[in-house]
Amino acid sequence: MEDNRIVELYLLRDEAAIRQTAEKFGSRLRSLAYGIVHDRQTAEECENDTYLEAWNAIPPHEPRSYLYAFLARITRHLSLNCCRDRSRLKRSAFLCELSAEMEQCIPAPDDVERRIDDMALSRAINGFLSKLDEEKRTIFLRRYWYLDSIVDISRRFGLSKSKVKTTLFRCRGQLREYLKKEGYTL
């Protein structure tokens, strides 16, 4: 079923929307959650909670052209909250490491005006990512969106760990420069 039709089912408050969503996106959402929480049962809980969140968020949102991205964002948020709530110290240390890497590139929202600028920052980051070649963009997203480890990324692409680290380091530097040109102060 097409995304547009699934969103229509949500808008009509038809429970078939959840079945169709699970059928089309369930395994991808569960995989995303598992990559973050590393526990099958918790990943399934996050997947199911995603359907509830989507049910409550549609309407007012109507993610007709970006349904998977909409659902993935919810799943990722729920998964990260599970990590925090369950005090997974090892995973929390990993998340802190990734946060420290990215905060060198992206300004932190420390006031209301900055929070309002989040959408503009999101567009700027998407603009930066669109300029990267496919391999670099995928490596960057695997690390900072899907939270894959350096080892997992190196296996996935058949690259050395050193090559992955270097690519990420350079991409962060390029992102920093790109955001400066876009008017962001770091």
N, C-alpha and C. Protein backbone atom coordinates (compact mmCIF):
# COMPACT_ATOMS: atom_id res chain seq x y z
N MET A 1 0.85 -1.18 0.00
CA MET A 1 0.00 0.00 0.00
C MET A 1 0.89 1.23 0.00
N GLU A 2 0.51 2.24 -0.73
CA GLU A 2 1.28 3.47 -0.82
C GLU A 2 1.18 4.28 0.47
N ASP A 3 2.24 5.04 0.73
CA ASP A 3 2.30 5.85 1.95
C ASP A 3 1.11 6.79 2.07
N ASN A 4 0.75 7.41 0.97
CA ASN A 4 -0.35 8.37 0.97
C ASN A 4 -1.65 7.71 1.45
N ARG A 5 -1.89 6.49 1.01
CA ARG A 5 -3.11 5.76 1.40
C ARG A 5 -3.05 5.38 2.88
N ILE A 6 -1.87 5.01 3.37
CA ILE A 6 -1.73 4.67 4.79
C ILE A 6 -2.03 5.90 5.65
N VAL A 7 -1.52 7.05 5.24
CA VAL A 7 -1.79 8.29 5.98
C VAL A 7 -3.28 8.59 5.96
N GLU A 8 -3.93 8.34 4.83
CA GLU A 8 -5.39 8.54 4.75
C GLU A 8 -6.11 7.67 5.79
N LEU A 9 -5.65 6.43 5.95
CA LEU A 9 -6.27 5.55 6.95
C LEU A 9 -6.10 6.12 8.36
N TYR A 10 -4.91 6.66 8.64
CA TYR A 10 -4.70 7.31 9.94
C TYR A 10 -5.66 8.48 10.12
N LEU A 11 -5.80 9.28 9.08
CA LEU A 11 -6.68 10.45 9.17
C LEU A 11 -8.13 10.05 9.36
N LEU A 12 -8.51 8.90 8.80
CA LEU A 12 -9.87 8.39 8.96
C LEU A 12 -10.04 7.64 10.29
N ARG A 13 -8.93 7.54 11.06
CA ARG A 13 -8.89 6.83 12.35
C ARG A 13 -9.25 5.36 12.17
N ASP A 14 -8.81 4.79 11.05
CA ASP A 14 -9.04 3.39 10.73
C ASP A 14 -7.85 2.58 11.27
N GLU A 15 -8.15 1.59 12.10
CA GLU A 15 -7.09 0.78 12.71
C GLU A 15 -6.29 -0.01 11.69
N ALA A 16 -6.79 -0.15 10.49
CA ALA A 16 -6.05 -0.83 9.43
C ALA A 16 -4.75 -0.08 9.12
N ALA A 17 -4.70 1.20 9.48
CA ALA A 17 -3.49 2.00 9.26
C ALA A 17 -2.31 1.38 10.00
N ILE A 18 -2.55 0.92 11.21
CA ILE A 18 -1.47 0.34 12.01
C ILE A 18 -1.02 -0.98 11.40
N ARG A 19 -1.97 -1.81 10.96
CA ARG A 19 -1.61 -3.08 10.32
C ARG A 19 -0.80 -2.84 9.05
N GLN A 20 -1.24 -1.88 8.25
CA GLN A 20 -0.53 -1.57 7.00
C GLN A 20 0.86 -1.01 7.28
N THR A 21 0.96 -0.17 8.30
CA THR A 21 2.26 0.40 8.67
C THR A 21 3.20 -0.70 9.12
N ALA A 22 2.70 -1.60 9.96
CA ALA A 22 3.53 -2.70 10.45
C ALA A 22 3.97 -3.60 9.30
N GLU A 23 3.06 -3.85 8.40
CA GLU A 23 3.38 -4.72 7.26
C GLU A 23 4.46 -4.09 6.37
N LYS A 24 4.34 -2.81 6.12
CA LYS A 24 5.27 -2.14 5.21
C LYS A 24 6.58 -1.74 5.86
N PHE A 25 6.54 -1.27 7.10
CA PHE A 25 7.74 -0.70 7.72
C PHE A 25 8.21 -1.41 8.99
N GLY A 26 7.46 -2.38 9.48
CA GLY A 26 7.74 -3.00 10.76
C GLY A 26 9.16 -3.51 10.92
N SER A 27 9.64 -4.28 9.95
CA SER A 27 10.98 -4.86 10.10
C SER A 27 12.06 -3.78 10.09
N ARG A 28 11.88 -2.74 9.28
CA ARG A 28 12.87 -1.66 9.24
C ARG A 28 12.87 -0.87 10.54
N LEU A 29 11.70 -0.61 11.10
CA LEU A 29 11.61 0.13 12.36
C LEU A 29 12.20 -0.70 13.51
N ARG A 30 11.89 -1.99 13.51
CA ARG A 30 12.42 -2.87 14.56
C ARG A 30 13.94 -2.95 14.45
N SER A 31 14.45 -3.02 13.24
CA SER A 31 15.89 -3.07 13.03
C SER A 31 16.56 -1.78 13.51
N LEU A 32 15.94 -0.65 13.22
CA LEU A 32 16.46 0.63 13.69
C LEU A 32 16.51 0.66 15.21
N ALA A 33 15.43 0.25 15.83
CA ALA A 33 15.37 0.23 17.30
C ALA A 33 16.40 -0.74 17.87
N TYR A 34 16.53 -1.90 17.26
CA TYR A 34 17.48 -2.90 17.77
C TYR A 34 18.91 -2.38 17.69
N GLY A 35 19.22 -1.64 16.63
CA GLY A 35 20.55 -1.08 16.50
C GLY A 35 20.89 -0.11 17.62
N ILE A 36 19.90 0.44 18.25
CA ILE A 36 20.12 1.39 19.34
C ILE A 36 20.06 0.70 20.71
N VAL A 37 19.05 -0.15 20.91
CA VAL A 37 18.86 -0.73 22.25
C VAL A 37 19.53 -2.09 22.43
N HIS A 38 19.85 -2.78 21.34
CA HIS A 38 20.51 -4.10 21.38
C HIS A 38 19.75 -5.11 22.23
N ASP A 39 18.45 -5.09 22.13
CA ASP A 39 17.61 -6.05 22.84
C ASP A 39 16.34 -6.25 22.01
N ARG A 40 16.09 -7.50 21.61
CA ARG A 40 14.96 -7.77 20.70
C ARG A 40 13.61 -7.36 21.30
N GLN A 41 13.39 -7.71 22.54
CA GLN A 41 12.10 -7.40 23.16
C GLN A 41 11.90 -5.88 23.27
N THR A 42 12.93 -5.17 23.67
CA THR A 42 12.83 -3.72 23.77
C THR A 42 12.63 -3.10 22.39
N ALA A 43 13.29 -3.66 21.38
CA ALA A 43 13.12 -3.16 20.01
C ALA A 43 11.68 -3.34 19.56
N GLU A 44 11.08 -4.48 19.89
CA GLU A 44 9.67 -4.72 19.54
C GLU A 44 8.76 -3.74 20.27
N GLU A 45 9.07 -3.47 21.54
CA GLU A 45 8.28 -2.49 22.30
C GLU A 45 8.37 -1.11 21.64
N CYS A 46 9.57 -0.74 21.23
CA CYS A 46 9.75 0.57 20.58
C CYS A 46 8.97 0.62 19.27
N GLU A 47 9.00 -0.49 18.53
CA GLU A 47 8.23 -0.54 17.27
C GLU A 47 6.75 -0.34 17.55
N ASN A 48 6.22 -1.07 18.53
CA ASN A 48 4.80 -0.95 18.86
C ASN A 48 4.46 0.44 19.39
N ASP A 49 5.34 1.00 20.20
CA ASP A 49 5.11 2.36 20.71
C ASP A 49 5.13 3.37 19.57
N THR A 50 5.91 3.09 18.53
CA THR A 50 5.94 3.97 17.36
C THR A 50 4.57 4.05 16.72
N TYR A 51 3.88 2.90 16.62
CA TYR A 51 2.55 2.90 16.01
C TYR A 51 1.57 3.74 16.84
N LEU A 52 1.68 3.64 18.16
CA LEU A 52 0.82 4.45 19.03
C LEU A 52 1.12 5.94 18.86
N GLU A 53 2.42 6.28 18.85
CA GLU A 53 2.82 7.69 18.67
C GLU A 53 2.34 8.21 17.32
N ALA A 54 2.47 7.40 16.29
CA ALA A 54 2.01 7.81 14.95
C ALA A 54 0.49 8.02 14.97
N TRP A 55 -0.22 7.12 15.62
CA TRP A 55 -1.68 7.23 15.73
C TRP A 55 -2.06 8.57 16.38
N ASN A 56 -1.32 8.95 17.41
CA ASN A 56 -1.61 10.20 18.12
C ASN A 56 -1.12 11.43 17.38
N ALA A 57 -0.11 11.29 16.53
CA ALA A 57 0.47 12.44 15.84
C ALA A 57 -0.17 12.71 14.48
N ILE A 58 -0.87 11.72 13.93
CA ILE A 58 -1.55 11.91 12.64
C ILE A 58 -3.04 11.89 12.92
N PRO A 59 -3.81 12.90 12.75
CA PRO A 59 -3.43 14.29 12.59
C PRO A 59 -2.87 14.87 13.89
N PRO A 60 -2.30 16.02 13.89
CA PRO A 60 -2.32 17.08 12.88
C PRO A 60 -1.27 16.89 11.78
N HIS A 61 -0.22 16.10 12.02
CA HIS A 61 0.78 15.91 10.97
C HIS A 61 0.19 15.03 9.87
N GLU A 62 0.61 15.28 8.65
CA GLU A 62 0.20 14.47 7.52
C GLU A 62 1.43 14.13 6.69
N PRO A 63 2.22 13.16 7.16
CA PRO A 63 3.49 12.84 6.49
C PRO A 63 3.31 11.99 5.23
N ARG A 64 2.57 12.49 4.29
CA ARG A 64 2.24 11.73 3.08
C ARG A 64 3.47 11.37 2.26
N SER A 65 4.39 12.29 2.14
CA SER A 65 5.54 12.05 1.27
C SER A 65 6.79 11.62 2.04
N TYR A 66 6.69 11.52 3.34
CA TYR A 66 7.86 11.15 4.14
C TYR A 66 7.45 10.26 5.32
N LEU A 67 6.58 9.33 5.09
CA LEU A 67 6.04 8.50 6.18
C LEU A 67 7.13 7.70 6.87
N TYR A 68 8.02 7.05 6.13
CA TYR A 68 9.06 6.26 6.79
C TYR A 68 9.95 7.16 7.65
N ALA A 69 10.36 8.30 7.13
CA ALA A 69 11.21 9.21 7.89
C ALA A 69 10.50 9.66 9.17
N PHE A 70 9.21 9.94 9.06
CA PHE A 70 8.39 10.34 10.20
C PHE A 70 8.39 9.23 11.26
N LEU A 71 8.15 8.00 10.82
CA LEU A 71 8.11 6.86 11.75
C LEU A 71 9.49 6.56 12.32
N ALA A 72 10.52 6.65 11.48
CA ALA A 72 11.89 6.37 11.94
C ALA A 72 12.32 7.36 13.01
N ARG A 73 11.93 8.61 12.85
CA ARG A 73 12.27 9.62 13.85
C ARG A 73 11.63 9.27 15.20
N ILE A 74 10.38 8.83 15.14
CA ILE A 74 9.67 8.44 16.37
C ILE A 74 10.37 7.24 17.00
N THR A 75 10.68 6.24 16.18
CA THR A 75 11.33 5.02 16.68
C THR A 75 12.68 5.34 17.31
N ARG A 76 13.44 6.17 16.64
CA ARG A 76 14.77 6.53 17.15
C ARG A 76 14.65 7.24 18.49
N HIS A 77 13.72 8.18 18.58
CA HIS A 77 13.49 8.92 19.82
C HIS A 77 13.09 7.96 20.95
N LEU A 78 12.16 7.07 20.68
CA LEU A 78 11.71 6.11 21.69
C LEU A 78 12.85 5.19 22.12
N SER A 79 13.66 4.76 21.17
CA SER A 79 14.78 3.86 21.47
C SER A 79 15.82 4.55 22.34
N LEU A 80 16.13 5.79 22.01
CA LEU A 80 17.09 6.54 22.82
C LEU A 80 16.55 6.75 24.23
N ASN A 81 15.26 7.02 24.34
CA ASN A 81 14.66 7.17 25.67
C ASN A 81 14.74 5.86 26.46
N CYS A 82 14.56 4.73 25.79
CA CYS A 82 14.70 3.44 26.48
C CYS A 82 16.10 3.27 27.03
N CYS A 83 17.09 3.66 26.25
CA CYS A 83 18.48 3.57 26.71
C CYS A 83 18.68 4.43 27.96
N ARG A 84 18.16 5.63 27.93
CA ARG A 84 18.30 6.52 29.09
C ARG A 84 17.53 5.98 30.28
N ASP A 85 16.30 5.54 30.05
CA ASP A 85 15.45 5.08 31.14
C ASP A 85 15.99 3.82 31.81
N ARG A 86 16.61 2.99 31.05
CA ARG A 86 17.09 1.71 31.60
C ARG A 86 18.53 1.80 32.06
N SER A 87 19.07 2.99 32.04
CA SER A 87 20.43 3.25 32.55
C SER A 87 21.45 2.27 31.99
N ARG A 88 21.46 2.14 30.71
CA ARG A 88 22.44 1.29 30.05
C ARG A 88 23.75 2.06 30.00
N LEU A 89 24.57 1.87 31.01
CA LEU A 89 25.78 2.67 31.16
C LEU A 89 26.70 2.56 29.97
N LYS A 90 26.91 1.36 29.48
CA LYS A 90 27.82 1.19 28.35
C LYS A 90 27.27 1.93 27.14
N ARG A 91 25.98 1.76 26.87
CA ARG A 91 25.37 2.41 25.71
C ARG A 91 25.33 3.92 25.93
N SER A 92 25.07 4.36 27.16
CA SER A 92 25.04 5.78 27.45
C SER A 92 26.40 6.41 27.19
N ALA A 93 27.47 5.71 27.54
CA ALA A 93 28.81 6.23 27.28
C ALA A 93 29.01 6.38 25.78
N PHE A 94 28.53 5.43 25.01
CA PHE A 94 28.63 5.49 23.55
C PHE A 94 27.86 6.70 23.01
N LEU A 95 26.65 6.92 23.53
CA LEU A 95 25.86 8.06 23.08
C LEU A 95 26.53 9.37 23.44
N CYS A 96 27.15 9.43 24.62
CA CYS A 96 27.88 10.63 25.02
C CYS A 96 29.05 10.89 24.08
N GLU A 97 29.72 9.81 23.67
CA GLU A 97 30.85 9.94 22.73
C GLU A 97 30.37 10.53 21.41
N LEU A 98 29.26 10.01 20.89
CA LEU A 98 28.72 10.53 19.63
C LEU A 98 28.25 11.97 19.79
N SER A 99 27.64 12.28 20.91
CA SER A 99 27.18 13.65 21.14
C SER A 99 28.36 14.61 21.18
N ALA A 100 29.43 14.20 21.82
CA ALA A 100 30.62 15.06 21.90
C ALA A 100 31.20 15.30 20.52
N GLU A 101 31.20 14.27 19.67
CA GLU A 101 31.71 14.43 18.31
C GLU A 101 30.88 15.46 17.54
N MET A 102 29.56 15.36 17.66
CA MET A 102 28.68 16.22 16.87
C MET A 102 28.57 17.63 17.43
N GLU A 103 28.73 17.80 18.74
CA GLU A 103 28.57 19.15 19.29
C GLU A 103 29.71 20.06 18.88
N GLN A 104 30.79 19.50 18.33
CA GLN A 104 31.86 20.32 17.78
C GLN A 104 31.43 20.93 16.45
N CYS A 105 30.40 20.35 15.83
CA CYS A 105 29.94 20.81 14.51
C CYS A 105 28.64 21.60 14.58
N ILE A 106 27.76 21.22 15.50
CA ILE A 106 26.41 21.78 15.52
C ILE A 106 26.22 22.60 16.79
N PRO A 107 25.75 23.83 16.66
CA PRO A 107 25.51 24.63 17.85
C PRO A 107 24.39 24.04 18.70
N ALA A 108 24.55 24.10 20.00
CA ALA A 108 23.55 23.57 20.92
C ALA A 108 22.43 24.60 21.12
N PRO A 109 21.17 24.13 21.15
CA PRO A 109 20.08 25.07 21.39
C PRO A 109 20.05 25.48 22.86
N ASP A 110 20.44 26.73 23.13
CA ASP A 110 20.49 27.15 24.52
C ASP A 110 19.49 28.25 24.84
N ASP A 111 18.67 28.61 23.87
CA ASP A 111 17.62 29.58 24.14
C ASP A 111 16.48 29.38 23.14
N VAL A 112 15.42 30.12 23.33
CA VAL A 112 14.22 29.95 22.52
C VAL A 112 14.49 30.21 21.04
N GLU A 113 15.27 31.25 20.74
CA GLU A 113 15.54 31.56 19.33
C GLU A 113 16.24 30.41 18.64
N ARG A 114 17.17 29.79 19.32
CA ARG A 114 17.89 28.65 18.73
C ARG A 114 16.94 27.48 18.48
N ARG A 115 16.03 27.25 19.39
CA ARG A 115 15.08 26.15 19.19
C ARG A 115 14.21 26.42 17.97
N ILE A 116 13.86 27.66 17.77
CA ILE A 116 13.06 28.03 16.59
C ILE A 116 13.85 27.79 15.32
N ASP A 117 15.17 27.98 15.39
CA ASP A 117 16.03 27.78 14.23
C ASP A 117 16.30 26.31 13.91
N ASP A 118 15.78 25.38 14.71
CA ASP A 118 16.04 23.96 14.47
C ASP A 118 15.67 23.54 13.05
N MET A 119 14.56 24.02 12.55
CA MET A 119 14.14 23.63 11.21
C MET A 119 15.12 24.15 10.16
N ALA A 120 15.60 25.36 10.33
CA ALA A 120 16.58 25.90 9.39
C ALA A 120 17.89 25.11 9.48
N LEU A 121 18.28 24.75 10.68
CA LEU A 121 19.49 23.94 10.86
C LEU A 121 19.31 22.58 10.20
N SER A 122 18.15 22.00 10.35
CA SER A 122 17.87 20.71 9.72
C SER A 122 18.00 20.82 8.21
N ARG A 123 17.46 21.88 7.63
CA ARG A 123 17.58 22.09 6.18
C ARG A 123 19.04 22.26 5.78
N ALA A 124 19.81 22.98 6.60
CA ALA A 124 21.22 23.19 6.30
C ALA A 124 21.99 21.87 6.34
N ILE A 125 21.71 21.03 7.33
CA ILE A 125 22.39 19.74 7.43
C ILE A 125 22.00 18.86 6.25
N ASN A 126 20.73 18.87 5.89
CA ASN A 126 20.30 18.10 4.72
C ASN A 126 20.99 18.60 3.45
N GLY A 127 21.16 19.91 3.34
CA GLY A 127 21.88 20.49 2.21
C GLY A 127 23.32 20.01 2.17
N PHE A 128 23.96 19.98 3.34
CA PHE A 128 25.33 19.48 3.42
C PHE A 128 25.39 18.01 3.00
N LEU A 129 24.49 17.21 3.54
CA LEU A 129 24.50 15.78 3.23
C LEU A 129 24.27 15.52 1.74
N SER A 130 23.44 16.35 1.13
CA SER A 130 23.16 16.16 -0.31
C SER A 130 24.39 16.43 -1.17
N LYS A 131 25.34 17.17 -0.66
CA LYS A 131 26.57 17.48 -1.40
C LYS A 131 27.64 16.41 -1.26
N LEU A 132 27.49 15.52 -0.27
CA LEU A 132 28.46 14.45 -0.08
C LEU A 132 28.21 13.34 -1.10
N ASP A 133 29.28 12.62 -1.45
CA ASP A 133 29.06 11.47 -2.32
C ASP A 133 28.33 10.40 -1.51
N GLU A 134 27.78 9.43 -2.21
CA GLU A 134 26.90 8.46 -1.56
C GLU A 134 27.58 7.69 -0.43
N GLU A 135 28.82 7.27 -0.62
CA GLU A 135 29.52 6.50 0.41
C GLU A 135 29.72 7.32 1.68
N LYS A 136 30.20 8.55 1.53
CA LYS A 136 30.43 9.40 2.70
C LYS A 136 29.12 9.71 3.42
N ARG A 137 28.08 10.02 2.64
CA ARG A 137 26.79 10.33 3.23
C ARG A 137 26.25 9.13 4.00
N THR A 138 26.38 7.94 3.43
CA THR A 138 25.88 6.74 4.08
C THR A 138 26.68 6.43 5.35
N ILE A 139 28.00 6.58 5.28
CA ILE A 139 28.84 6.36 6.47
C ILE A 139 28.43 7.34 7.57
N PHE A 140 28.26 8.61 7.21
CA PHE A 140 27.87 9.65 8.18
C PHE A 140 26.52 9.30 8.82
N LEU A 141 25.55 8.93 8.00
CA LEU A 141 24.22 8.59 8.53
C LEU A 141 24.25 7.32 9.36
N ARG A 142 25.01 6.31 8.93
CA ARG A 142 25.09 5.09 9.71
C ARG A 142 25.65 5.37 11.11
N ARG A 143 26.59 6.29 11.19
CA ARG A 143 27.21 6.61 12.48
C ARG A 143 26.31 7.49 13.34
N TYR A 144 25.79 8.57 12.76
CA TYR A 144 25.12 9.58 13.58
C TYR A 144 23.59 9.49 13.57
N TRP A 145 22.99 8.75 12.69
CA TRP A 145 21.54 8.56 12.72
C TRP A 145 21.23 7.17 13.27
N TYR A 146 21.87 6.14 12.67
CA TYR A 146 21.60 4.77 13.09
C TYR A 146 22.47 4.34 14.27
N LEU A 147 23.47 5.15 14.63
CA LEU A 147 24.34 4.91 15.77
C LEU A 147 25.16 3.63 15.64
N ASP A 148 25.53 3.27 14.41
CA ASP A 148 26.37 2.10 14.18
C ASP A 148 27.77 2.37 14.72
N SER A 149 28.43 1.32 15.17
CA SER A 149 29.81 1.45 15.65
C SER A 149 30.75 1.56 14.44
N ILE A 150 31.96 2.02 14.70
CA ILE A 150 32.98 2.10 13.66
C ILE A 150 33.23 0.72 13.05
N VAL A 151 33.28 -0.30 13.91
CA VAL A 151 33.52 -1.67 13.45
C VAL A 151 32.39 -2.12 12.52
N ASP A 152 31.13 -1.86 12.90
CA ASP A 152 30.00 -2.25 12.06
C ASP A 152 30.05 -1.55 10.71
N ILE A 153 30.37 -0.27 10.72
CA ILE A 153 30.44 0.48 9.47
C ILE A 153 31.57 -0.05 8.59
N SER A 154 32.72 -0.33 9.19
CA SER A 154 33.84 -0.82 8.40
C SER A 154 33.51 -2.18 7.77
N ARG A 155 32.82 -3.03 8.50
CA ARG A 155 32.39 -4.33 7.94
C ARG A 155 31.38 -4.13 6.81
N ARG A 156 30.41 -3.26 7.03
CA ARG A 156 29.35 -3.03 6.05
C ARG A 156 29.93 -2.57 4.71
N PHE A 157 30.94 -1.69 4.75
CA PHE A 157 31.48 -1.12 3.52
C PHE A 157 32.78 -1.76 3.07
N GLY A 158 33.28 -2.71 3.86
CA GLY A 158 34.55 -3.34 3.50
C GLY A 158 35.72 -2.38 3.57
N LEU A 159 35.68 -1.47 4.54
CA LEU A 159 36.73 -0.47 4.72
C LEU A 159 37.45 -0.74 6.03
N SER A 160 38.65 -0.21 6.14
CA SER A 160 39.37 -0.32 7.42
C SER A 160 38.72 0.62 8.44
N LYS A 161 38.91 0.32 9.72
CA LYS A 161 38.39 1.19 10.77
C LYS A 161 39.02 2.58 10.65
N SER A 162 40.29 2.61 10.31
CA SER A 162 41.00 3.88 10.16
C SER A 162 40.37 4.73 9.06
N LYS A 163 40.01 4.10 7.95
CA LYS A 163 39.38 4.82 6.83
C LYS A 163 38.02 5.39 7.26
N VAL A 164 37.25 4.62 8.01
CA VAL A 164 35.94 5.09 8.49
C VAL A 164 36.12 6.27 9.44
N LYS A 165 37.06 6.14 10.38
CA LYS A 165 37.31 7.24 11.33
C LYS A 165 37.76 8.50 10.61
N THR A 166 38.63 8.34 9.63
CA THR A 166 39.12 9.49 8.87
C THR A 166 38.00 10.14 8.08
N THR A 167 37.17 9.32 7.45
CA THR A 167 36.03 9.84 6.69
C THR A 167 35.09 10.63 7.59
N LEU A 168 34.79 10.08 8.76
CA LEU A 168 33.91 10.77 9.70
C LEU A 168 34.53 12.07 10.21
N PHE A 169 35.81 12.03 10.52
CA PHE A 169 36.51 13.23 10.98
C PHE A 169 36.44 14.33 9.92
N ARG A 170 36.72 13.97 8.68
CA ARG A 170 36.69 14.95 7.59
C ARG A 170 35.27 15.46 7.33
N CYS A 171 34.30 14.57 7.40
CA CYS A 171 32.90 14.99 7.20
C CYS A 171 32.47 15.97 8.28
N ARG A 172 32.86 15.71 9.53
CA ARG A 172 32.52 16.64 10.61
C ARG A 172 33.16 18.00 10.38
N GLY A 173 34.41 18.00 9.91
CA GLY A 173 35.08 19.26 9.60
C GLY A 173 34.40 20.00 8.47
N GLN A 174 34.00 19.26 7.44
CA GLN A 174 33.29 19.87 6.32
C GLN A 174 31.93 20.40 6.76
N LEU A 175 31.25 19.66 7.63
CA LEU A 175 29.96 20.12 8.15
C LEU A 175 30.15 21.40 8.94
N ARG A 176 31.18 21.45 9.77
CA ARG A 176 31.47 22.65 10.57
C ARG A 176 31.66 23.86 9.64
N GLU A 177 32.47 23.69 8.60
CA GLU A 177 32.72 24.78 7.65
C GLU A 177 31.46 25.16 6.89
N TYR A 178 30.68 24.17 6.49
CA TYR A 178 29.44 24.42 5.76
C TYR A 178 28.48 25.23 6.62
N LEU A 179 28.35 24.85 7.89
CA LEU A 179 27.44 25.57 8.78
C LEU A 179 27.92 27.00 9.05
N LYS A 180 29.24 27.19 9.12
CA LYS A 180 29.76 28.55 9.28
C LYS A 180 29.38 29.40 8.08
N LYS A 181 29.50 28.84 6.88
CA LYS A 181 29.13 29.58 5.66
C LYS A 181 27.64 29.87 5.62
N GLU A 182 26.84 29.01 6.26
CA GLU A 182 25.40 29.21 6.31
C GLU A 182 25.00 30.21 7.40
N GLY A 183 25.99 30.71 8.16
CA GLY A 183 25.71 31.72 9.15
C GLY A 183 25.58 31.21 10.58
N TYR A 184 25.90 29.97 10.82
CA TYR A 184 25.83 29.42 12.17
C TYR A 184 27.17 29.65 12.87
N THR A 185 27.10 30.11 14.11
CA THR A 185 28.32 30.28 14.90
C THR A 185 28.46 29.10 15.82
N LEU A 186 29.67 28.60 15.90
CA LEU A 186 29.90 27.38 16.70
C LEU A 186 30.65 27.69 17.96
